Protein backbone atom coordinates (compact mmCIF):
# COMPACT_ATOMS: atom_id res chain seq x y z
CA MET A 1 -4.53 114.50 25.70
CA LEU A 2 -1.56 113.31 27.76
CA GLU A 3 1.87 115.23 27.51
CA ALA A 4 5.21 114.45 29.10
CA LEU A 5 7.23 117.79 29.08
CA ALA A 6 10.96 117.62 29.72
CA LEU A 7 10.58 114.89 32.32
CA THR A 8 13.69 114.12 34.54
CA LEU A 9 13.02 110.92 36.70
CA SER A 10 15.28 109.97 39.53
CA TYR A 11 15.55 107.31 42.37
CA ASN A 12 17.34 108.43 45.33
CA GLY A 13 18.63 111.43 43.50
CA ASP A 14 20.19 109.58 40.61
CA PRO A 15 18.56 110.36 37.27
CA VAL A 16 17.05 107.43 35.50
CA VAL A 17 15.32 109.25 32.65
CA ARG A 18 16.35 112.66 31.46
CA ASP A 19 14.55 115.26 29.41
CA LEU A 20 11.86 113.16 28.11
CA SER A 21 9.11 114.92 26.10
CA PHE A 22 6.08 113.38 24.05
CA SER A 23 2.37 113.41 23.62
CA LEU A 24 -0.26 111.02 23.43
CA ALA A 25 -3.62 111.78 21.52
CA ARG A 26 -6.98 110.03 21.42
CA GLY A 27 -7.16 106.93 19.26
CA GLN A 28 -3.41 106.55 19.36
CA PHE A 29 -1.75 103.16 20.05
CA VAL A 30 1.89 104.25 21.16
CA GLY A 31 4.57 101.71 22.07
CA LEU A 32 7.34 102.35 24.58
CA VAL A 33 10.38 100.20 23.69
CA GLY A 34 14.08 100.00 24.80
CA ALA A 35 16.49 97.61 26.37
CA ASN A 36 16.32 96.26 29.89
CA GLY A 37 16.99 99.19 32.41
CA SER A 38 16.46 101.93 29.90
CA GLY A 39 13.67 103.34 32.11
CA LYS A 40 10.34 102.03 30.41
CA SER A 41 8.68 101.15 33.67
CA THR A 42 9.97 104.21 35.30
CA VAL A 43 8.15 106.43 32.73
CA VAL A 44 4.84 104.62 33.24
CA ARG A 45 5.17 105.21 37.08
CA ALA A 46 5.74 108.91 36.34
CA LEU A 47 2.68 109.14 33.92
CA SER A 48 0.45 107.48 36.46
CA ARG A 49 1.75 109.74 39.29
CA VAL A 50 3.44 107.09 41.28
CA LEU A 51 6.77 108.71 40.94
CA PRO A 52 6.93 112.40 40.96
CA PRO A 53 9.37 113.92 38.42
CA ALA A 54 12.42 115.65 39.64
CA ARG A 55 11.91 118.13 36.86
CA GLY A 56 9.29 118.55 34.22
CA GLN A 57 5.48 117.86 34.16
CA VAL A 58 2.91 115.36 33.19
CA LEU A 59 -0.19 117.18 31.62
CA LEU A 60 -3.60 115.56 31.17
CA ASP A 61 -5.53 117.68 28.80
CA GLY A 62 -3.44 120.59 29.86
CA ALA A 63 -3.92 120.11 33.68
CA ASP A 64 -0.83 118.83 35.90
CA ILE A 65 -1.73 115.37 37.11
CA HIS A 66 -0.09 116.33 40.47
CA ARG A 67 -2.75 118.91 41.01
CA MET A 68 -5.66 116.46 40.52
CA SER A 69 -7.29 114.46 43.19
CA ALA A 70 -6.55 110.70 43.16
CA ARG A 71 -10.12 109.97 42.43
CA GLU A 72 -10.33 112.53 39.53
CA LEU A 73 -7.12 111.03 37.98
CA ALA A 74 -8.34 107.45 38.39
CA ARG A 75 -11.59 108.48 36.49
CA ARG A 76 -9.39 109.53 33.50
CA MET A 77 -6.46 107.17 33.51
CA ALA A 78 -6.19 103.37 33.99
CA VAL A 79 -2.84 101.39 34.52
CA VAL A 80 -2.26 97.79 34.10
CA PRO A 81 1.09 97.36 35.84
CA GLN A 82 3.65 94.69 34.80
CA GLN A 83 3.37 92.66 38.02
CA VAL A 84 -0.14 92.11 39.83
CA SER A 85 -0.13 89.95 42.81
CA VAL A 86 -3.77 88.92 43.76
CA GLY A 87 -3.41 87.01 46.92
CA PHE A 88 -6.95 86.23 47.54
CA PRO A 89 -9.26 84.11 45.51
CA PHE A 90 -11.61 87.05 44.22
CA THR A 91 -13.84 85.99 41.44
CA ALA A 92 -12.99 87.56 38.03
CA ARG A 93 -16.10 89.78 38.37
CA GLU A 94 -15.10 90.95 41.70
CA VAL A 95 -11.72 91.91 40.39
CA VAL A 96 -13.19 93.87 37.45
CA LEU A 97 -15.62 95.58 39.70
CA MET A 98 -12.51 96.93 41.65
CA GLY A 99 -12.21 99.27 38.46
CA ARG A 100 -15.40 101.14 39.52
CA ALA A 101 -13.97 102.22 42.85
CA PRO A 102 -13.10 105.87 41.55
CA HIS A 103 -16.71 106.20 40.56
CA LEU A 104 -18.31 105.26 43.91
CA SER A 105 -18.84 107.55 47.01
CA ARG A 106 -16.42 107.00 50.00
CA PHE A 107 -18.75 104.49 51.62
CA GLY A 108 -20.94 103.60 48.58
CA MET A 109 -21.72 100.10 47.25
CA GLU A 110 -21.82 98.96 43.64
CA ARG A 111 -25.03 99.87 41.84
CA GLU A 112 -26.76 98.04 38.98
CA ARG A 113 -24.97 100.11 36.54
CA ASP A 114 -21.54 99.27 37.97
CA TYR A 115 -22.31 95.49 37.56
CA GLU A 116 -23.56 96.08 34.03
CA ILE A 117 -20.30 97.94 33.19
CA ALA A 118 -18.08 95.27 34.70
CA ASP A 119 -19.99 92.47 32.81
CA ARG A 120 -19.71 94.44 29.56
CA CYS A 121 -15.80 94.69 30.17
CA LEU A 122 -15.65 91.06 30.98
CA ALA A 123 -17.40 90.36 27.66
CA LEU A 124 -15.23 92.91 25.68
CA THR A 125 -12.11 91.07 26.99
CA GLY A 126 -13.47 87.63 26.36
CA VAL A 127 -13.61 86.33 29.82
CA GLU A 128 -17.10 86.39 30.60
CA ALA A 129 -17.03 82.64 31.01
CA PHE A 130 -14.84 82.97 33.95
CA ALA A 131 -16.62 85.63 35.62
CA ASP A 132 -17.33 83.61 38.66
CA ARG A 133 -14.09 81.69 38.73
CA PRO A 134 -11.50 82.64 41.27
CA ILE A 135 -8.78 84.69 39.61
CA THR A 136 -6.15 82.56 41.05
CA ASN A 137 -7.39 79.64 39.10
CA LEU A 138 -6.97 81.29 35.87
CA SER A 139 -4.18 81.00 33.20
CA GLY A 140 -1.80 83.82 32.75
CA GLY A 141 -3.65 84.93 29.41
CA GLU A 142 -6.89 84.83 31.27
CA ARG A 143 -5.83 86.81 34.19
CA GLN A 144 -4.24 89.36 32.11
CA ARG A 145 -7.42 89.89 30.23
CA CYS A 146 -9.18 90.16 33.60
CA LEU A 147 -6.83 93.09 34.61
CA ILE A 148 -7.25 94.86 31.26
CA ALA A 149 -11.20 94.53 31.92
CA ARG A 150 -10.66 96.07 35.38
CA ALA A 151 -8.76 98.98 33.87
CA LEU A 152 -11.66 99.50 31.08
CA ALA A 153 -14.21 99.31 33.97
CA GLN A 154 -12.62 102.66 35.24
CA GLU A 155 -13.92 104.20 31.91
CA PRO A 156 -10.75 105.88 31.34
CA ASP A 157 -9.45 108.31 28.58
CA VAL A 158 -5.89 107.29 28.99
CA LEU A 159 -4.81 103.73 29.25
CA LEU A 160 -1.11 102.76 30.23
CA LEU A 161 0.07 99.12 30.01
CA ASP A 162 3.38 97.85 31.43
CA GLU A 163 4.49 94.89 29.17
CA PRO A 164 0.95 93.28 29.07
CA THR A 165 2.17 90.51 26.98
CA ALA A 166 5.05 89.40 29.26
CA HIS A 167 5.20 85.63 30.15
CA LEU A 168 2.44 84.97 27.44
CA ASP A 169 2.83 82.45 24.70
CA ILE A 170 2.52 83.83 21.14
CA ASN A 171 -1.12 83.08 20.76
CA HIS A 172 -2.22 84.97 23.82
CA GLN A 173 0.32 87.95 22.89
CA ILE A 174 -1.70 88.41 19.59
CA GLU A 175 -5.10 88.14 21.56
CA ILE A 176 -4.09 90.76 23.92
CA LEU A 177 -2.75 93.23 21.41
CA ASP A 178 -5.46 92.68 18.97
CA LEU A 179 -7.88 93.53 21.75
CA LEU A 180 -6.04 96.54 22.85
CA ARG A 181 -5.85 97.95 19.32
CA ALA A 182 -9.50 97.32 18.73
CA LEU A 183 -10.53 98.99 22.04
CA THR A 184 -8.37 102.10 21.41
CA ALA A 185 -10.02 102.53 18.18
CA GLU A 186 -13.54 101.86 19.26
CA ARG A 187 -13.38 103.83 22.40
CA GLY A 188 -11.02 106.61 21.26
CA LEU A 189 -8.73 105.72 24.00
CA ALA A 190 -5.11 107.25 24.33
CA THR A 191 -3.07 104.14 24.90
CA LEU A 192 0.71 103.72 25.83
CA VAL A 193 2.01 100.30 26.00
CA VAL A 194 5.56 99.16 26.98
CA LEU A 195 6.50 96.20 24.78
CA HIS A 196 9.55 94.08 25.05
CA ASP A 197 9.34 92.55 21.58
CA LEU A 198 10.35 94.98 18.86
CA ASN A 199 8.43 93.06 16.12
CA LEU A 200 5.17 93.00 17.99
CA ALA A 201 5.74 96.78 18.75
CA SER A 202 6.44 97.36 15.02
CA GLN A 203 3.45 95.50 13.69
CA TYR A 204 0.82 96.94 16.22
CA CYS A 205 1.91 100.40 17.17
CA ASP A 206 1.17 103.68 15.26
CA HIS A 207 3.90 105.40 16.96
CA LEU A 208 6.96 104.27 18.85
CA LEU A 209 9.21 105.83 21.60
CA LEU A 210 12.75 104.24 21.71
CA LEU A 211 14.55 104.61 25.00
CA ALA A 212 18.25 104.31 25.48
CA GLY A 213 20.38 105.17 28.42
CA GLY A 214 17.45 106.99 29.96
CA ARG A 215 16.98 109.37 27.01
CA LEU A 216 14.56 109.39 24.09
CA LEU A 217 16.72 108.14 21.17
CA ALA A 218 14.14 108.11 18.57
CA GLN A 219 10.27 108.45 18.27
CA GLY A 220 7.92 108.46 15.30
CA ASP A 221 6.44 105.82 12.83
CA PRO A 222 7.81 102.41 13.17
CA ARG A 223 9.34 102.60 9.98
CA GLU A 224 11.47 105.51 11.16
CA VAL A 225 12.29 104.13 14.72
CA VAL A 226 12.97 100.46 13.93
CA SER A 227 16.39 100.61 12.03
CA GLU A 228 19.38 98.53 12.25
CA GLU A 229 21.31 101.83 13.33
CA HIS A 230 18.77 102.51 16.14
CA ILE A 231 18.81 98.87 17.49
CA ARG A 232 22.48 98.87 17.56
CA ALA A 233 22.50 102.07 19.42
CA ALA A 234 19.88 101.16 22.01
CA TYR A 235 20.41 97.38 22.55
CA GLY A 236 24.02 96.82 21.34
CA ALA A 237 22.80 94.13 19.10
CA ASP A 238 23.47 93.35 15.39
CA VAL A 239 20.17 92.83 13.54
CA GLN A 240 18.80 92.87 10.13
CA VAL A 241 15.67 94.98 9.64
CA ARG A 242 13.30 94.27 6.63
CA LEU A 243 9.97 95.44 5.64
CA HIS A 244 7.36 92.67 6.22
CA PRO A 245 5.94 91.45 2.79
CA SER A 246 2.34 91.43 4.00
CA THR A 247 2.02 94.68 6.33
CA GLY A 248 4.84 96.78 5.01
CA ARG A 249 6.08 97.40 8.54
CA PRO A 250 9.60 96.61 9.72
CA TYR A 251 10.51 93.48 11.31
CA VAL A 252 13.92 92.41 12.96
CA THR A 253 15.89 89.46 12.58
CA LEU A 254 18.65 88.67 15.14
CA LEU A 255 22.12 88.02 13.54
CA SER A 256 24.27 85.26 15.74
CA ARG A 257 27.37 86.74 17.09
CA LEU A 258 29.17 83.40 16.41
CA PRO A 259 31.52 83.65 13.63
CA ILE A 260 30.33 82.51 10.15
CA PRO A 261 31.90 79.00 9.63
CA ALA A 262 35.30 78.96 7.74
CA PRO A 263 35.29 78.79 3.83
CA ALA A 264 34.92 75.39 2.28
CA THR A 265 37.69 72.74 2.96
CA ARG A 266 35.95 69.82 1.11
CA VAL A 267 35.91 69.43 -2.57
CA THR A 268 32.27 68.15 -2.68
CA LYS A 269 29.67 71.02 -3.73
CA ILE A 270 26.31 70.71 -2.43
CA HIS A 271 23.30 72.32 -3.75
CA LEU A 272 20.42 72.67 -1.11
CA ILE A 273 16.78 72.92 -2.49
CA CYS A 274 14.66 74.11 0.37
CA GLY A 275 12.22 76.90 1.63
CA ALA A 276 9.89 77.54 4.41
CA GLY A 277 12.77 77.28 7.02
CA THR A 278 13.23 73.64 6.24
CA GLY A 279 16.92 74.26 4.94
CA ARG A 280 18.09 76.72 7.71
CA PRO A 281 19.40 74.05 10.14
CA LEU A 282 21.41 72.39 7.46
CA MET A 283 23.01 75.52 5.82
CA ARG A 284 25.30 76.53 8.81
CA ARG A 285 26.12 72.91 9.60
CA LEU A 286 27.03 71.92 6.09
CA ARG A 287 29.37 75.09 6.03
CA GLU A 288 30.74 73.98 9.52
CA LEU A 289 31.58 70.71 7.97
CA GLY A 290 33.61 72.37 5.30
CA PHE A 291 31.29 72.05 2.17
CA SER A 292 30.60 74.46 -0.57
CA VAL A 293 26.84 75.12 -0.45
CA SER A 294 24.48 76.95 -2.77
CA VAL A 295 20.79 77.30 -2.13
CA GLY A 296 17.67 77.80 -4.19
CA VAL A 297 14.97 78.77 -4.84
CA VAL A 298 14.12 80.77 -1.63
CA ASN A 299 11.61 83.70 -1.45
CA VAL A 300 12.80 86.89 -0.13
CA ALA A 301 12.20 87.37 3.52
CA ASP A 302 11.77 83.53 4.09
CA SER A 303 13.89 82.29 7.08
CA ASP A 304 15.89 80.12 4.62
CA GLN A 305 16.58 83.16 2.53
CA LEU A 306 17.80 85.29 5.40
CA GLU A 307 20.13 82.51 6.66
CA ALA A 308 21.55 81.99 3.24
CA GLU A 309 22.21 85.74 3.14
CA ALA A 310 23.57 85.82 6.39
CA LEU A 311 26.13 83.01 5.56
CA ASP A 312 26.80 84.64 2.13
CA LEU A 313 25.79 81.50 0.28
CA PRO A 314 25.08 81.56 -3.54
CA ARG A 315 21.35 81.30 -3.85
CA VAL A 316 18.49 81.89 -6.08
CA GLU A 317 15.84 84.19 -4.83
CA GLU A 318 12.41 85.02 -5.65
CA ALA A 319 10.04 87.85 -4.63
CA PRO A 320 8.06 87.17 -1.37
CA PHE A 321 4.96 84.88 -1.71
CA SER A 322 5.58 84.68 -5.59
CA PRO A 323 5.74 81.49 -7.73
CA ILE A 324 9.28 80.36 -9.17
CA SER A 325 9.90 82.24 -12.46
CA GLU A 326 11.21 80.68 -15.67
CA ALA A 327 14.44 82.77 -14.97
CA SER A 328 14.68 81.57 -11.35
CA HIS A 329 14.05 77.91 -12.22
CA ARG A 330 17.19 78.16 -14.94
CA ARG A 331 19.48 79.55 -12.51
CA ASN A 332 18.48 76.91 -10.04
CA CYS A 333 19.06 74.22 -12.52
CA GLU A 334 22.56 75.57 -13.31
CA LEU A 335 23.34 75.49 -9.79
CA ALA A 336 22.08 72.10 -9.13
CA LYS A 337 24.13 70.68 -12.29
CA ALA A 338 27.22 72.38 -11.01
CA ALA A 339 27.08 70.70 -7.60
CA ASP A 340 28.15 67.18 -6.76
CA VAL A 341 25.15 66.51 -4.55
CA VAL A 342 21.66 67.97 -4.49
CA VAL A 343 19.80 67.88 -1.28
CA VAL A 344 15.90 68.41 -1.25
CA THR A 345 14.46 69.12 2.21
CA GLY A 346 10.88 68.42 3.05
CA ILE A 347 9.45 71.53 1.75
CA PRO A 348 5.65 72.09 1.18
CA VAL A 349 5.05 71.66 -2.46
CA GLY A 350 2.50 73.65 -4.33
CA ARG A 351 1.94 74.64 -8.07
CA GLY A 352 4.10 77.77 -7.35
CA ASN A 353 7.14 75.73 -6.42
CA LEU A 354 7.05 72.44 -8.32
CA TYR A 355 9.97 73.74 -10.33
CA ASN A 356 12.20 72.90 -7.11
CA LEU A 357 11.48 69.24 -7.59
CA GLU A 358 11.80 69.63 -11.29
CA ALA A 359 15.26 71.13 -10.91
CA ALA A 360 16.23 67.99 -8.85
CA VAL A 361 14.93 65.89 -11.57
CA LYS A 362 17.16 67.52 -14.01
CA ALA A 363 20.06 67.02 -11.93
CA ARG A 364 19.51 63.52 -11.49
CA GLY A 365 19.02 63.33 -15.17
CA VAL A 366 22.81 64.32 -15.76
CA GLY A 367 23.97 61.87 -13.03
CA LYS A 368 24.09 64.04 -9.92
CA ARG A 369 23.71 62.39 -6.54
CA VAL A 370 20.28 63.52 -4.98
CA LEU A 371 19.25 63.07 -1.42
CA LEU A 372 15.47 63.56 -0.68
CA ILE A 373 14.59 64.29 2.96
CA ASP A 374 11.14 62.77 3.38
CA ASP A 375 10.34 64.50 6.60
CA PRO A 376 7.55 65.01 6.82
CA PRO A 377 6.47 62.45 4.29
CA VAL A 378 5.70 64.03 0.97
CA ALA A 379 1.96 62.78 1.01
CA GLY A 380 1.39 65.34 3.77
CA ARG A 381 2.86 68.20 2.10
CA ASP A 382 1.71 67.86 -1.49
CA PHE A 383 -0.46 70.64 -2.25
CA ALA A 384 -0.08 70.19 -5.99
CA GLU A 385 -2.78 67.60 -6.45
CA GLY A 386 -0.37 64.57 -6.42
CA GLU A 387 2.38 66.17 -8.72
CA ALA A 388 4.82 66.36 -5.74
CA ILE A 389 4.32 62.62 -5.00
CA ALA A 390 4.78 61.84 -8.74
CA LEU A 391 7.98 63.88 -9.05
CA GLN A 392 9.41 62.28 -5.92
CA ARG A 393 8.56 58.82 -7.10
CA GLN A 394 10.32 59.66 -10.49
CA LEU A 395 13.32 60.74 -8.47
CA VAL A 396 13.54 57.59 -6.39
CA ASN A 397 13.04 55.29 -9.44
CA ALA A 398 15.89 57.24 -11.13
CA GLY A 399 18.23 56.48 -8.09
CA ALA A 400 17.80 59.27 -5.90
CA GLU A 401 18.26 58.41 -2.10
CA LEU A 402 15.32 58.67 0.26
CA CYS A 403 16.41 59.97 3.76
CA ARG A 404 14.44 59.69 6.88
CA ASP A 405 15.26 63.18 8.09
CA ALA A 406 17.96 65.77 8.06
CA ALA A 407 20.12 64.03 10.49
CA ASP A 408 20.05 60.95 8.08
CA ALA A 409 21.08 63.19 5.06
CA LEU A 410 23.97 64.72 7.33
CA ALA A 411 25.28 61.34 8.22
CA ARG A 412 25.57 60.32 4.58
CA LEU A 413 27.09 63.65 3.46
CA GLU A 414 29.76 63.63 6.45
CA LYS A 415 31.36 60.65 4.59
CA LEU A 416 32.21 62.88 1.53
CA GLN A 417 35.34 64.59 0.96
């Protein structure tokens, strides 16, 4: 439906985007990604005829958009720009009705059908409750949905959006992208969305275009485009790319540029029993303090597992979202018994990971010092029908030390050699 053919785009004679070619079909949700200054917004300006190409063409169903009238193009293509300033207190309904302008005669007024379409678009985007409220009084997410409703009121075939999730919190980002995906499928739209967040782009888009230095570095399925090599080339960043255990799509974890802490300088060995992100802050700090640290059992792709891997710590790993196996439990017990101190973080405990607390019980049984971080209190994270509470009580009765929080545990560990 929409084709960019060998586009070169310039400002004041200086090329910003060079030799860009791609196509966009009905029902396709395509993401345009790249570093700041790579030319993403410039491409949207060219596709929407705001910026004429220095070379190349943009075709809509085979016709050059620069040979179409503005009214004809506006009936076929709608744009939600990155920055929209609404200086007057128009109601949300009035803003959405502006999307009907291409369908009105030069001096025509909105008809009943135009109001019906506007109200339908308000309902589709979930802002019908705000129809009579000034748009200046709406939140960022509500205002963004109104602008999308305005674009839909144009009844377009092609929808272009320049960073529609910018400045929104994660809940509103998901709402907007869920909405756009659904509308693309239901209405058979050809949708191009500029996204800043690679993980959102990977999870939502059928096809990705990755710009780097004004050129198309890669395009295709997210599994082909979102790679460590491509991200390093486009962003100059070191990342770790894994397949998400639920969706099978790639997701990106940033790697710190700070040097990994120096090897252990203290004789005390610490085994950290953690999971669900509860151990991540402790790992690096313990390494910085010079301790030898091991970790277990952590599920692959859990943030604790990723941090342990980044720090190259000995660890026991289990498959994503899987219960702890007998083999993993045995290895965890071995590491705990080989340590001088075992630290148990405030992990949520279900039947699948009760073995973690049992490993601490075994370590205490052979005389190892055990610190229990009771933050949040175990009663609020026991999903094993009281068994976690019982195991913690058993540990405390056996001489394990109860710590208020991670800072309390660290204060006790810092005194060790």
